[in-house]
Amino acid sequence: MAEELQKYLKRLLPTVEGLLSIIISDRDGVQLVAAHDQAPPGTLRPPFLGTFAIATEQASKLGLGKNKSIISFYSGHQVIQFNHSPLVLTFVATREANTGLIYSLEEDLRDAVTDLQGAVTVL
């Protein structure tokens, strides 16, 4: 299952110009499945990936309902993360990449992430 998903992620990378990485990790930032193409090294580390869990919990306390995603822009990159508790789906792209197109990829990956959620929850 993980190998097929990784192949699928690798096929998705070139569909959006500037998309550098797609990562599915647990809440602690441990990568379960990923595809990379020149992603900034710091974005692949568990401490970076794991901060989303904290940020999404805090954002959910704003009284607007459960937080689903966070988009962060940095000097040269953007990071789009989705909450699929207990998993996190992360996209890393160049600053110039089309954020809307990347955001729409989450729909394409939703079923695969749901299947992986089930496997992780059982463990």
PDB file of N, CA and C in Angstrom:
ATOM      1  N   MET A   1       0.811  -1.195   0.000  1.00  0.00           N
ATOM      2  CA  MET A   1       0.000   0.000   0.000  1.00  0.00           C
ATOM      3  C   MET A   1       0.856   1.262   0.000  1.00  0.00           C
ATOM      4  N   ALA A   2       1.878   1.283   0.868  1.00  0.00           N
ATOM      5  CA  ALA A   2       2.732   2.465   0.971  1.00  0.00           C
ATOM      6  C   ALA A   2       3.527   2.691  -0.318  1.00  0.00           C
ATOM      7  N   GLU A   3       3.979   1.596  -0.943  1.00  0.00           N
ATOM      8  CA  GLU A   3       4.747   1.737  -2.185  1.00  0.00           C
ATOM      9  C   GLU A   3       3.889   2.306  -3.306  1.00  0.00           C
ATOM     10  N   GLU A   4       2.659   1.840  -3.404  1.00  0.00           N
ATOM     11  CA  GLU A   4       1.742   2.358  -4.431  1.00  0.00           C
ATOM     12  C   GLU A   4       1.435   3.820  -4.191  1.00  0.00           C
ATOM     13  N   LEU A   5       1.244   4.168  -2.935  1.00  0.00           N
ATOM     14  CA  LEU A   5       0.952   5.556  -2.589  1.00  0.00           C
ATOM     15  C   LEU A   5       2.149   6.451  -2.898  1.00  0.00           C
ATOM     16  N   GLN A   6       3.339   5.976  -2.611  1.00  0.00           N
ATOM     17  CA  GLN A   6       4.533   6.756  -2.907  1.00  0.00           C
ATOM     18  C   GLN A   6       4.683   6.974  -4.418  1.00  0.00           C
ATOM     19  N   LYS A   7       4.413   5.966  -5.206  1.00  0.00           N
ATOM     20  CA  LYS A   7       4.458   6.114  -6.666  1.00  0.00           C
ATOM     21  C   LYS A   7       3.436   7.141  -7.135  1.00  0.00           C
ATOM     22  N   TYR A   8       2.257   7.101  -6.531  1.00  0.00           N
ATOM     23  CA  TYR A   8       1.207   8.065  -6.880  1.00  0.00           C
ATOM     24  C   TYR A   8       1.642   9.491  -6.521  1.00  0.00           C
ATOM     25  N   LEU A   9       2.248   9.663  -5.350  1.00  0.00           N
ATOM     26  CA  LEU A   9       2.732  10.984  -4.952  1.00  0.00           C
ATOM     27  C   LEU A   9       3.794  11.494  -5.923  1.00  0.00           C
ATOM     28  N   LYS A  10       4.679  10.608  -6.360  1.00  0.00           N
ATOM     29  CA  LYS A  10       5.726  10.996  -7.316  1.00  0.00           C
ATOM     30  C   LYS A  10       5.120  11.421  -8.658  1.00  0.00           C
ATOM     31  N   ARG A  11       4.018  10.771  -9.047  1.00  0.00           N
ATOM     32  CA  ARG A  11       3.346  11.163 -10.289  1.00  0.00           C
ATOM     33  C   ARG A  11       2.652  12.514 -10.145  1.00  0.00           C
ATOM     34  N   LEU A  12       2.216  12.846  -8.947  1.00  0.00           N
ATOM     35  CA  LEU A  12       1.543  14.128  -8.715  1.00  0.00           C
ATOM     36  C   LEU A  12       2.503  15.312  -8.703  1.00  0.00           C
ATOM     37  N   LEU A  13       3.740  15.103  -8.270  1.00  0.00           N
ATOM     38  CA  LEU A  13       4.694  16.211  -8.151  1.00  0.00           C
ATOM     39  C   LEU A  13       4.784  17.084  -9.404  1.00  0.00           C
ATOM     40  N   PRO A  14       4.968  16.517 -10.589  1.00  0.00           N
ATOM     41  CA  PRO A  14       5.125  17.379 -11.770  1.00  0.00           C
ATOM     42  C   PRO A  14       3.815  17.986 -12.292  1.00  0.00           C
ATOM     43  N   THR A  15       2.681  17.659 -11.677  1.00  0.00           N
ATOM     44  CA  THR A  15       1.415  18.196 -12.173  1.00  0.00           C
ATOM     45  C   THR A  15       1.216  19.670 -11.819  1.00  0.00           C
ATOM     46  N   VAL A  16       1.961  20.152 -10.827  1.00  0.00           N
ATOM     47  CA  VAL A  16       1.898  21.562 -10.459  1.00  0.00           C
ATOM     48  C   VAL A  16       3.317  22.118 -10.493  1.00  0.00           C
ATOM     49  N   GLU A  17       3.543  23.084 -11.344  1.00  0.00           N
ATOM     50  CA  GLU A  17       4.870  23.688 -11.460  1.00  0.00           C
ATOM     51  C   GLU A  17       5.280  24.299 -10.125  1.00  0.00           C
ATOM     52  N   GLY A  18       6.457  23.920  -9.655  1.00  0.00           N
ATOM     53  CA  GLY A  18       6.970  24.455  -8.400  1.00  0.00           C
ATOM     54  C   GLY A  18       6.658  23.606  -7.181  1.00  0.00           C
ATOM     55  N   LEU A  19       5.874  22.539  -7.340  1.00  0.00           N
ATOM     56  CA  LEU A  19       5.593  21.642  -6.212  1.00  0.00           C
ATOM     57  C   LEU A  19       6.834  20.799  -5.963  1.00  0.00           C
ATOM     58  N   LEU A  20       7.374  20.878  -4.743  1.00  0.00           N
ATOM     59  CA  LEU A  20       8.645  20.235  -4.426  1.00  0.00           C
ATOM     60  C   LEU A  20       8.514  18.976  -3.586  1.00  0.00           C
ATOM     61  N   SER A  21       7.450  18.891  -2.800  1.00  0.00           N
ATOM     62  CA  SER A  21       7.355  17.762  -1.884  1.00  0.00           C
ATOM     63  C   SER A  21       5.909  17.524  -1.470  1.00  0.00           C
ATOM     64  N   ILE A  22       5.563  16.255  -1.333  1.00  0.00           N
ATOM     65  CA  ILE A  22       4.286  15.840  -0.758  1.00  0.00           C
ATOM     66  C   ILE A  22       4.638  14.839   0.338  1.00  0.00           C
ATOM     67  N   ILE A  23       4.180  15.124   1.545  1.00  0.00           N
ATOM     68  CA  ILE A  23       4.543  14.295   2.696  1.00  0.00           C
ATOM     69  C   ILE A  23       3.289  13.925   3.476  1.00  0.00           C
ATOM     70  N   ILE A  24       3.171  12.665   3.821  1.00  0.00           N
ATOM     71  CA  ILE A  24       2.150  12.230   4.764  1.00  0.00           C
ATOM     72  C   ILE A  24       2.903  11.777   6.006  1.00  0.00           C
ATOM     73  N   SER A  25       2.606  12.439   7.116  1.00  0.00           N
ATOM     74  CA  SER A  25       3.314  12.153   8.364  1.00  0.00           C
ATOM     75  C   SER A  25       2.317  11.958   9.487  1.00  0.00           C
ATOM     76  N   ASP A  26       2.833  11.480  10.618  1.00  0.00           N
ATOM     77  CA  ASP A  26       1.977  11.417  11.795  1.00  0.00           C
ATOM     78  C   ASP A  26       2.033  12.770  12.504  1.00  0.00           C
ATOM     79  N   ARG A  27       1.297  12.898  13.599  1.00  0.00           N
ATOM     80  CA  ARG A  27       1.219  14.178  14.312  1.00  0.00           C
ATOM     81  C   ARG A  27       2.562  14.621  14.884  1.00  0.00           C
ATOM     82  N   ASP A  28       3.485  13.681  15.078  1.00  0.00           N
ATOM     83  CA  ASP A  28       4.801  14.015  15.605  1.00  0.00           C
ATOM     84  C   ASP A  28       5.786  14.404  14.509  1.00  0.00           C
ATOM     85  N   GLY A  29       5.345  14.337  13.268  1.00  0.00           N
ATOM     86  CA  GLY A  29       6.202  14.724  12.153  1.00  0.00           C
ATOM     87  C   GLY A  29       7.000  13.594  11.546  1.00  0.00           C
ATOM     88  N   VAL A  30       6.728  12.370  11.952  1.00  0.00           N
ATOM     89  CA  VAL A  30       7.437  11.216  11.387  1.00  0.00           C
ATOM     90  C   VAL A  30       6.823  10.897  10.029  1.00  0.00           C
ATOM     91  N   GLN A  31       7.655  10.927   8.992  1.00  0.00           N
ATOM     92  CA  GLN A  31       7.177  10.672   7.632  1.00  0.00           C
ATOM     93  C   GLN A  31       6.771   9.214   7.467  1.00  0.00           C
ATOM     94  N   LEU A  32       5.569   9.019   6.915  1.00  0.00           N
ATOM     95  CA  LEU A  32       5.100   7.670   6.609  1.00  0.00           C
ATOM     96  C   LEU A  32       5.264   7.377   5.125  1.00  0.00           C
ATOM     97  N   VAL A  33       4.899   8.359   4.288  1.00  0.00           N
ATOM     98  CA  VAL A  33       5.030   8.246   2.841  1.00  0.00           C
ATOM     99  C   VAL A  33       5.366   9.644   2.327  1.00  0.00           C
ATOM    100  N   ALA A  34       6.280   9.710   1.348  1.00  0.00           N
ATOM    101  CA  ALA A  34       6.659  11.025   0.832  1.00  0.00           C
ATOM    102  C   ALA A  34       7.235  10.918  -0.568  1.00  0.00           C
ATOM    103  N   ALA A  35       7.153  12.033  -1.279  1.00  0.00           N
ATOM    104  CA  ALA A  35       7.812  12.189  -2.578  1.00  0.00           C
ATOM    105  C   ALA A  35       8.441  13.576  -2.574  1.00  0.00           C
ATOM    106  N   HIS A  36       9.716  13.643  -2.947  1.00  0.00           N
ATOM    107  CA  HIS A  36      10.448  14.906  -2.881  1.00  0.00           C
ATOM    108  C   HIS A  36      11.117  15.235  -4.210  1.00  0.00           C
ATOM    109  N   ASP A  37      11.235  16.536  -4.455  1.00  0.00           N
ATOM    110  CA  ASP A  37      12.003  17.032  -5.596  1.00  0.00           C
ATOM    111  C   ASP A  37      12.619  18.365  -5.190  1.00  0.00           C
ATOM    112  N   GLN A  38      13.815  18.319  -4.631  1.00  0.00           N
ATOM    113  CA  GLN A  38      14.546  19.519  -4.220  1.00  0.00           C
ATOM    114  C   GLN A  38      13.841  20.311  -3.123  1.00  0.00           C
ATOM    115  N   ALA A  39      13.209  19.643  -2.202  1.00  0.00           N
ATOM    116  CA  ALA A  39      12.552  20.332  -1.091  1.00  0.00           C
ATOM    117  C   ALA A  39      13.603  20.884  -0.137  1.00  0.00           C
ATOM    118  N   PRO A  40      13.339  22.038   0.452  1.00  0.00           N
ATOM    119  CA  PRO A  40      14.273  22.580   1.437  1.00  0.00           C
ATOM    120  C   PRO A  40      14.441  21.587   2.595  1.00  0.00           C
ATOM    121  N   PRO A  41      15.673  21.286   2.989  1.00  0.00           N
ATOM    122  CA  PRO A  41      15.920  20.250   3.998  1.00  0.00           C
ATOM    123  C   PRO A  41      15.144  20.457   5.305  1.00  0.00           C
ATOM    124  N   GLY A  42      15.017  21.658   5.767  1.00  0.00           N
ATOM    125  CA  GLY A  42      14.325  21.913   7.024  1.00  0.00           C
ATOM    126  C   GLY A  42      12.871  21.494   7.012  1.00  0.00           C
ATOM    127  N   THR A  43      12.254  21.481   5.841  1.00  0.00           N
ATOM    128  CA  THR A  43      10.836  21.138   5.739  1.00  0.00           C
ATOM    129  C   THR A  43      10.587  19.635   5.833  1.00  0.00           C
ATOM    130  N   LEU A  44      11.638  18.850   5.809  1.00  0.00           N
ATOM    131  CA  LEU A  44      11.496  17.395   5.847  1.00  0.00           C
ATOM    132  C   LEU A  44      11.752  16.817   7.236  1.00  0.00           C
ATOM    133  N   ARG A  45      12.106  17.664   8.172  1.00  0.00           N
ATOM    134  CA  ARG A  45      12.451  17.204   9.515  1.00  0.00           C
ATOM    135  C   ARG A  45      11.208  17.087  10.403  1.00  0.00           C
ATOM    136  N   PRO A  46      11.185  16.094  11.289  1.00  0.00           N
ATOM    137  CA  PRO A  46      10.033  15.927  12.181  1.00  0.00           C
ATOM    138  C   PRO A  46       9.660  17.168  12.993  1.00  0.00           C
ATOM    139  N   PRO A  47      10.627  17.938  13.537  1.00  0.00           N
ATOM    140  CA  PRO A  47      10.199  19.125  14.300  1.00  0.00           C
ATOM    141  C   PRO A  47       9.388  20.125  13.453  1.00  0.00           C
ATOM    142  N   PHE A  48       9.767  20.296  12.198  1.00  0.00           N
ATOM    143  CA  PHE A  48       9.015  21.207  11.324  1.00  0.00           C
ATOM    144  C   PHE A  48       7.636  20.636  11.031  1.00  0.00           C
ATOM    145  N   LEU A  49       7.582  19.380  10.617  1.00  0.00           N
ATOM    146  CA  LEU A  49       6.309  18.752  10.269  1.00  0.00           C
ATOM    147  C   LEU A  49       5.385  18.626  11.483  1.00  0.00           C
ATOM    148  N   GLY A  50       5.957  18.390  12.647  1.00  0.00           N
ATOM    149  CA  GLY A  50       5.174  18.206  13.853  1.00  0.00           C
ATOM    150  C   GLY A  50       4.556  19.478  14.408  1.00  0.00           C
ATOM    151  N   THR A  51       5.067  20.639  14.028  1.00  0.00           N
ATOM    152  CA  THR A  51       4.506  21.889  14.554  1.00  0.00           C
ATOM    153  C   THR A  51       3.099  22.145  14.043  1.00  0.00           C
ATOM    154  N   PHE A  52       2.722  21.529  12.931  1.00  0.00           N
ATOM    155  CA  PHE A  52       1.363  21.721  12.410  1.00  0.00           C
ATOM    156  C   PHE A  52       0.321  21.242  13.408  1.00  0.00           C
ATOM    157  N   ALA A  53       0.586  20.120  14.058  1.00  0.00           N
ATOM    158  CA  ALA A  53      -0.378  19.578  15.020  1.00  0.00           C
ATOM    159  C   ALA A  53      -0.658  20.589  16.120  1.00  0.00           C
ATOM    160  N   ILE A  54       0.370  21.249  16.594  1.00  0.00           N
ATOM    161  CA  ILE A  54       0.206  22.267  17.642  1.00  0.00           C
ATOM    162  C   ILE A  54      -0.546  23.477  17.087  1.00  0.00           C
ATOM    163  N   ALA A  55      -0.142  23.931  15.911  1.00  0.00           N
ATOM    164  CA  ALA A  55      -0.764  25.118  15.306  1.00  0.00           C
ATOM    165  C   ALA A  55      -2.242  24.892  14.989  1.00  0.00           C
ATOM    166  N   THR A  56      -2.578  23.725  14.481  1.00  0.00           N
ATOM    167  CA  THR A  56      -3.973  23.463  14.126  1.00  0.00           C
ATOM    168  C   THR A  56      -4.846  23.348  15.379  1.00  0.00           C
ATOM    169  N   GLU A  57      -4.291  22.800  16.467  1.00  0.00           N
ATOM    170  CA  GLU A  57      -5.037  22.744  17.724  1.00  0.00           C
ATOM    171  C   GLU A  57      -5.333  24.155  18.235  1.00  0.00           C
ATOM    172  N   GLN A  58      -4.336  25.026  18.176  1.00  0.00           N
ATOM    173  CA  GLN A  58      -4.522  26.408  18.634  1.00  0.00           C
ATOM    174  C   GLN A  58      -5.518  27.150  17.736  1.00  0.00           C
ATOM    175  N   ALA A  59      -5.424  26.947  16.433  1.00  0.00           N
ATOM    176  CA  ALA A  59      -6.345  27.606  15.502  1.00  0.00           C
ATOM    177  C   ALA A  59      -7.781  27.134  15.725  1.00  0.00           C
ATOM    178  N   SER A  60      -7.943  25.893  16.135  1.00  0.00           N
ATOM    179  CA  SER A  60      -9.282  25.357  16.390  1.00  0.00           C
ATOM    180  C   SER A  60      -9.926  25.981  17.626  1.00  0.00           C
ATOM    181  N   LYS A  61      -9.124  26.620  18.470  1.00  0.00           N
ATOM    182  CA  LYS A  61      -9.636  27.251  19.688  1.00  0.00           C
ATOM    183  C   LYS A  61     -10.151  28.670  19.449  1.00  0.00           C
ATOM    184  N   LEU A  62     -10.121  29.130  18.222  1.00  0.00           N
ATOM    185  CA  LEU A  62     -10.552  30.497  17.918  1.00  0.00           C
ATOM    186  C   LEU A  62     -12.065  30.653  17.874  1.00  0.00           C
ATOM    187  N   GLY A  63     -12.781  29.561  18.040  1.00  0.00           N
ATOM    188  CA  GLY A  63     -14.233  29.617  18.053  1.00  0.00           C
ATOM    189  C   GLY A  63     -14.869  29.573  16.676  1.00  0.00           C
ATOM    190  N   LEU A  64     -14.106  29.180  15.674  1.00  0.00           N
ATOM    191  CA  LEU A  64     -14.613  29.106  14.302  1.00  0.00           C
ATOM    192  C   LEU A  64     -14.805  27.672  13.827  1.00  0.00           C
ATOM    193  N   GLY A  65     -14.628  26.719  14.718  1.00  0.00           N
ATOM    194  CA  GLY A  65     -14.741  25.315  14.353  1.00  0.00           C
ATOM    195  C   GLY A  65     -13.374  24.669  14.237  1.00  0.00           C
ATOM    196  N   LYS A  66     -13.390  23.400  13.838  1.00  0.00           N
ATOM    197  CA  LYS A  66     -12.149  22.632  13.710  1.00  0.00           C
ATOM    198  C   LYS A  66     -11.333  23.141  12.524  1.00  0.00           C
ATOM    199  N   ASN A  67     -10.054  23.377  12.755  1.00  0.00           N
ATOM    200  CA  ASN A  67      -9.162  23.824  11.693  1.00  0.00           C
ATOM    201  C   ASN A  67      -8.852  22.664  10.756  1.00  0.00           C
ATOM    202  N   LYS A  68      -8.969  22.905   9.439  1.00  0.00           N
ATOM    203  CA  LYS A  68      -8.720  21.862   8.444  1.00  0.00           C
ATOM    204  C   LYS A  68      -7.343  21.986   7.795  1.00  0.00           C
ATOM    205  N   SER A  69      -6.879  23.230   7.610  1.00  0.00           N
ATOM    206  CA  SER A  69      -5.613  23.419   6.903  1.00  0.00           C
ATOM    207  C   SER A  69      -4.961  24.734   7.297  1.00  0.00           C
ATOM    208  N   ILE A  70      -3.667  24.802   7.036  1.00  0.00           N
ATOM    209  CA  ILE A  70      -2.898  26.022   7.268  1.00  0.00           C
ATOM    210  C   ILE A  70      -1.982  26.213   6.069  1.00  0.00           C
ATOM    211  N   ILE A  71      -1.947  27.447   5.558  1.00  0.00           N
ATOM    212  CA  ILE A  71      -1.047  27.797   4.462  1.00  0.00           C
ATOM    213  C   ILE A  71      -0.046  28.804   5.009  1.00  0.00           C
ATOM    214  N   SER A  72       1.240  28.497   4.857  1.00  0.00           N
ATOM    215  CA  SER A  72       2.299  29.366   5.358  1.00  0.00           C
ATOM    216  C   SER A  72       3.203  29.776   4.203  1.00  0.00           C
ATOM    217  N   PHE A  73       3.523  31.060   4.148  1.00  0.00           N
ATOM    218  CA  PHE A  73       4.432  31.567   3.130  1.00  0.00           C
ATOM    219  C   PHE A  73       5.723  32.005   3.803  1.00  0.00           C
ATOM    220  N   TYR A  74       6.838  31.587   3.223  1.00  0.00           N
ATOM    221  CA  TYR A  74       8.160  31.956   3.704  1.00  0.00           C
ATOM    222  C   TYR A  74       8.854  32.737   2.598  1.00  0.00           C
ATOM    223  N   SER A  75      10.082  33.160   2.816  1.00  0.00           N
ATOM    224  CA  SER A  75      10.760  34.004   1.828  1.00  0.00           C
ATOM    225  C   SER A  75      10.871  33.335   0.460  1.00  0.00           C
ATOM    226  N   GLY A  76      11.089  32.033   0.421  1.00  0.00           N
ATOM    227  CA  GLY A  76      11.241  31.372  -0.870  1.00  0.00           C
ATOM    228  C   GLY A  76      10.302  30.215  -1.122  1.00  0.00           C
ATOM    229  N   HIS A  77       9.512  29.857  -0.118  1.00  0.00           N
ATOM    230  CA  HIS A  77       8.668  28.673  -0.229  1.00  0.00           C
ATOM    231  C   HIS A  77       7.308  28.890   0.412  1.00  0.00           C
ATOM    232  N   GLN A  78       6.406  28.002   0.082  1.00  0.00           N
ATOM    233  CA  GLN A  78       5.116  27.951   0.758  1.00  0.00           C
ATOM    234  C   GLN A  78       4.883  26.526   1.227  1.00  0.00           C
ATOM    235  N   VAL A  79       4.170  26.415   2.330  1.00  0.00           N
ATOM    236  CA  VAL A  79       3.855  25.113   2.909  1.00  0.00           C
ATOM    237  C   VAL A  79       2.354  25.078   3.145  1.00  0.00           C
ATOM    238  N   ILE A  80       1.706  24.055   2.610  1.00  0.00           N
ATOM    239  CA  ILE A  80       0.268  23.878   2.772  1.00  0.00           C
ATOM    240  C   ILE A  80       0.074  22.556   3.501  1.00  0.00           C
ATOM    241  N   GLN A  81      -0.603  22.624   4.650  1.00  0.00           N
ATOM    242  CA  GLN A  81      -0.772  21.425   5.468  1.00  0.00           C
ATOM    243  C   GLN A  81      -2.243  21.192   5.778  1.00  0.00           C
ATOM    244  N   PHE A  82      -2.630  19.915   5.747  1.00  0.00           N
ATOM    245  CA  PHE A  82      -4.012  19.511   5.990  1.00  0.00           C
ATOM    246  C   PHE A  82      -4.084  18.574   7.183  1.00  0.00           C
ATOM    247  N   ASN A  83      -5.099  18.766   7.997  1.00  0.00           N
ATOM    248  CA  ASN A  83      -5.335  17.945   9.166  1.00  0.00           C
ATOM    249  C   ASN A  83      -6.190  16.735   8.790  1.00  0.00           C
ATOM    250  N   HIS A  84      -5.603  15.552   8.877  1.00  0.00           N
ATOM    251  CA  HIS A  84      -6.316  14.288   8.688  1.00  0.00           C
ATOM    252  C   HIS A  84      -5.985  13.424   9.905  1.00  0.00           C
ATOM    253  N   SER A  85      -6.318  13.946  11.074  1.00  0.00           N
ATOM    254  CA  SER A  85      -5.925  13.340  12.336  1.00  0.00           C
ATOM    255  C   SER A  85      -6.165  11.828  12.329  1.00  0.00           C
ATOM    256  N   PRO A  86      -5.152  11.059  12.689  1.00  0.00           N
ATOM    257  CA  PRO A  86      -3.881  11.392  13.310  1.00  0.00           C
ATOM    258  C   PRO A  86      -2.759  11.696  12.315  1.00  0.00           C
ATOM    259  N   LEU A  87      -3.102  11.907  11.051  1.00  0.00           N
ATOM    260  CA  LEU A  87      -2.096  12.174  10.022  1.00  0.00           C
ATOM    261  C   LEU A  87      -2.126  13.631   9.580  1.00  0.00           C
ATOM    262  N   VAL A  88      -1.018  14.047   8.982  1.00  0.00           N
ATOM    263  CA  VAL A  88      -0.897  15.388   8.419  1.00  0.00           C
ATOM    264  C   VAL A  88      -0.412  15.241   6.982  1.00  0.00           C
ATOM    265  N   LEU A  89      -1.100  15.923   6.072  1.00  0.00           N
ATOM    266  CA  LEU A  89      -0.711  15.945   4.662  1.00  0.00           C
ATOM    267  C   LEU A  89      -0.037  17.285   4.398  1.00  0.00           C
ATOM    268  N   THR A  90       1.211  17.262   3.955  1.00  0.00           N
ATOM    269  CA  THR A  90       2.000  18.477   3.760  1.00  0.00           C
ATOM    270  C   THR A  90       2.455  18.595   2.314  1.00  0.00           C
ATOM    271  N   PHE A  91       2.271  19.783   1.750  1.00  0.00           N
ATOM    272  CA  PHE A  91       2.797  20.124   0.426  1.00  0.00           C
ATOM    273  C   PHE A  91       3.807  21.241   0.616  1.00  0.00           C
ATOM    274  N   VAL A  92       4.989  21.098   0.015  1.00  0.00           N
ATOM    275  CA  VAL A  92       6.004  22.148   0.028  1.00  0.00           C
ATOM    276  C   VAL A  92       6.225  22.562  -1.413  1.00  0.00           C
ATOM    277  N   ALA A  93       6.215  23.873  -1.657  1.00  0.00           N
ATOM    278  CA  ALA A  93       6.355  24.369  -3.029  1.00  0.00           C
ATOM    279  C   ALA A  93       7.148  25.670  -3.035  1.00  0.00           C
ATOM    280  N   THR A  94       7.552  26.060  -4.225  1.00  0.00           N
ATOM    281  CA  THR A  94       8.185  27.371  -4.357  1.00  0.00           C
ATOM    282  C   THR A  94       7.150  28.447  -4.068  1.00  0.00           C
ATOM    283  N   ARG A  95       7.606  29.622  -3.793  1.00  0.00           N
ATOM    284  CA  ARG A  95       6.695  30.738  -3.497  1.00  0.00           C
ATOM    285  C   ARG A  95       5.797  31.051  -4.691  1.00  0.00           C
ATOM    286  N   GLU A  96       6.307  30.828  -5.900  1.00  0.00           N
ATOM    287  CA  GLU A  96       5.576  31.170  -7.115  1.00  0.00           C
ATOM    288  C   GLU A  96       4.570  30.107  -7.550  1.00  0.00           C
ATOM    289  N   ALA A  97       4.597  28.944  -6.938  1.00  0.00           N
ATOM    290  CA  ALA A  97       3.687  27.866  -7.328  1.00  0.00           C
ATOM    291  C   ALA A  97       2.237  28.285  -7.078  1.00  0.00           C
ATOM    292  N   ASN A  98       1.337  27.713  -7.859  1.00  0.00           N
ATOM    293  CA  ASN A  98      -0.089  28.045  -7.759  1.00  0.00           C
ATOM    294  C   ASN A  98      -0.686  27.377  -6.521  1.00  0.00           C
ATOM    295  N   THR A  99      -0.942  28.186  -5.507  1.00  0.00           N
ATOM    296  CA  THR A  99      -1.448  27.683  -4.228  1.00  0.00           C
ATOM    297  C   THR A  99      -2.791  26.981  -4.392  1.00  0.00           C
ATOM    298  N   GLY A 100      -3.665  27.521  -5.219  1.00  0.00           N
ATOM    299  CA  GLY A 100      -4.983  26.929  -5.427  1.00  0.00           C
ATOM    300  C   GLY A 100      -4.907  25.540  -6.037  1.00  0.00           C
ATOM    301  N   LEU A 101      -4.008  25.373  -7.007  1.00  0.00           N
ATOM    302  CA  LEU A 101      -3.840  24.043  -7.614  1.00  0.00           C
ATOM    303  C   LEU A 101      -3.305  23.038  -6.600  1.00  0.00           C
ATOM    304  N   ILE A 102      -2.355  23.480  -5.805  1.00  0.00           N
ATOM    305  CA  ILE A 102      -1.802  22.590  -4.785  1.00  0.00           C
ATOM    306  C   ILE A 102      -2.891  22.234  -3.772  1.00  0.00           C
ATOM    307  N   TYR A 103      -3.662  23.234  -3.372  1.00  0.00           N
ATOM    308  CA  TYR A 103      -4.733  23.008  -2.397  1.00  0.00           C
ATOM    309  C   TYR A 103      -5.737  21.977  -2.921  1.00  0.00           C
ATOM    310  N   SER A 104      -6.005  22.030  -4.213  1.00  0.00           N
ATOM    311  CA  SER A 104      -6.978  21.091  -4.801  1.00  0.00           C
ATOM    312  C   SER A 104      -6.454  19.654  -4.859  1.00  0.00           C
ATOM    313  N   LEU A 105      -5.144  19.457  -4.764  1.00  0.00           N
ATOM    314  CA  LEU A 105      -4.585  18.100  -4.766  1.00  0.00           C
ATOM    315  C   LEU A 105      -5.028  17.308  -3.533  1.00  0.00           C
ATOM    316  N   GLU A 106      -5.382  18.016  -2.475  1.00  0.00           N
ATOM    317  CA  GLU A 106      -5.835  17.331  -1.260  1.00  0.00           C
ATOM    318  C   GLU A 106      -7.046  16.462  -1.554  1.00  0.00           C
ATOM    319  N   GLU A 107      -7.939  16.930  -2.410  1.00  0.00           N
ATOM    320  CA  GLU A 107      -9.117  16.140  -2.782  1.00  0.00           C
ATOM    321  C   GLU A 107      -8.706  14.844  -3.477  1.00  0.00           C
ATOM    322  N   ASP A 108      -7.687  14.933  -4.339  1.00  0.00           N
ATOM    323  CA  ASP A 108      -7.206  13.745  -5.050  1.00  0.00           C
ATOM    324  C   ASP A 108      -6.596  12.721  -4.096  1.00  0.00           C
ATOM    325  N   LEU A 109      -6.057  13.193  -2.985  1.00  0.00           N
ATOM    326  CA  LEU A 109      -5.370  12.310  -2.038  1.00  0.00           C
ATOM    327  C   LEU A 109      -6.245  11.886  -0.859  1.00  0.00           C
ATOM    328  N   ARG A 110      -7.430  12.439  -0.756  1.00  0.00           N
ATOM    329  CA  ARG A 110      -8.274  12.207   0.424  1.00  0.00           C
ATOM    330  C   ARG A 110      -8.536  10.722   0.677  1.00  0.00           C
ATOM    331  N   ASP A 111      -8.898   9.962  -0.358  1.00  0.00           N
ATOM    332  CA  ASP A 111      -9.198   8.533  -0.169  1.00  0.00           C
ATOM    333  C   ASP A 111      -7.961   7.759   0.286  1.00  0.00           C
ATOM    334  N   ALA A 112      -6.820   8.066  -0.324  1.00  0.00           N
ATOM    335  CA  ALA A 112      -5.582   7.376   0.035  1.00  0.00           C
ATOM    336  C   ALA A 112      -5.194   7.687   1.480  1.00  0.00           C
ATOM    337  N   VAL A 113      -5.347   8.941   1.880  1.00  0.00           N
ATOM    338  CA  VAL A 113      -5.017   9.328   3.249  1.00  0.00           C
ATOM    339  C   VAL A 113      -5.975   8.659   4.233  1.00  0.00           C
ATOM    340  N   THR A 114      -7.252   8.570   3.862  1.00  0.00           N
ATOM    341  CA  THR A 114      -8.248   7.908   4.717  1.00  0.00           C
ATOM    342  C   THR A 114      -7.887   6.440   4.916  1.00  0.00           C
ATOM    343  N   ASP A 115      -7.448   5.762   3.854  1.00  0.00           N
ATOM    344  CA  ASP A 115      -7.016   4.372   3.975  1.00  0.00           C
ATOM    345  C   ASP A 115      -5.818   4.248   4.908  1.00  0.00           C
ATOM    346  N   LEU A 116      -4.873   5.168   4.767  1.00  0.00           N
ATOM    347  CA  LEU A 116      -3.678   5.155   5.613  1.00  0.00           C
ATOM    348  C   LEU A 116      -4.053   5.479   7.069  1.00  0.00           C
ATOM    349  N   GLN A 117      -5.017   6.368   7.246  1.00  0.00           N
ATOM    350  CA  GLN A 117      -5.511   6.685   8.595  1.00  0.00           C
ATOM    351  C   GLN A 117      -6.003   5.423   9.290  1.00  0.00           C
ATOM    352  N   GLY A 118      -6.781   4.637   8.558  1.00  0.00           N
ATOM    353  CA  GLY A 118      -7.308   3.401   9.116  1.00  0.00           C
ATOM    354  C   GLY A 118      -6.216   2.457   9.549  1.00  0.00           C
ATOM    355  N   ALA A 119      -5.171   2.357   8.739  1.00  0.00           N
ATOM    356  CA  ALA A 119      -4.051   1.482   9.070  1.00  0.00           C
ATOM    357  C   ALA A 119      -3.301   1.988  10.294  1.00  0.00           C
ATOM    358  N   VAL A 120      -3.116   3.290  10.383  1.00  0.00           N
ATOM    359  CA  VAL A 120      -2.379   3.873  11.509  1.00  0.00           C
ATOM    360  C   VAL A 120      -3.208   3.771  12.792  1.00  0.00           C
ATOM    361  N   THR A 121      -4.500   3.985  12.698  1.00  0.00           N
ATOM    362  CA  THR A 121      -5.374   3.932  13.864  1.00  0.00           C
ATOM    363  C   THR A 121      -5.410   2.531  14.455  1.00  0.00           C
ATOM    364  N   VAL A 122      -5.360   1.513  13.590  1.00  0.00           N
ATOM    365  CA  VAL A 122      -5.375   0.131  14.054  1.00  0.00           C
ATOM    366  C   VAL A 122      -4.114  -0.176  14.853  1.00  0.00           C
ATOM    367  N   LEU A 123      -2.984   0.378  14.431  1.00  0.00           N
ATOM    368  CA  LEU A 123      -1.734   0.129  15.134  1.00  0.00           C
ATOM    369  C   LEU A 123      -1.793   0.786  16.485  1.00  0.00           C
TER     370      LEU A 123
END
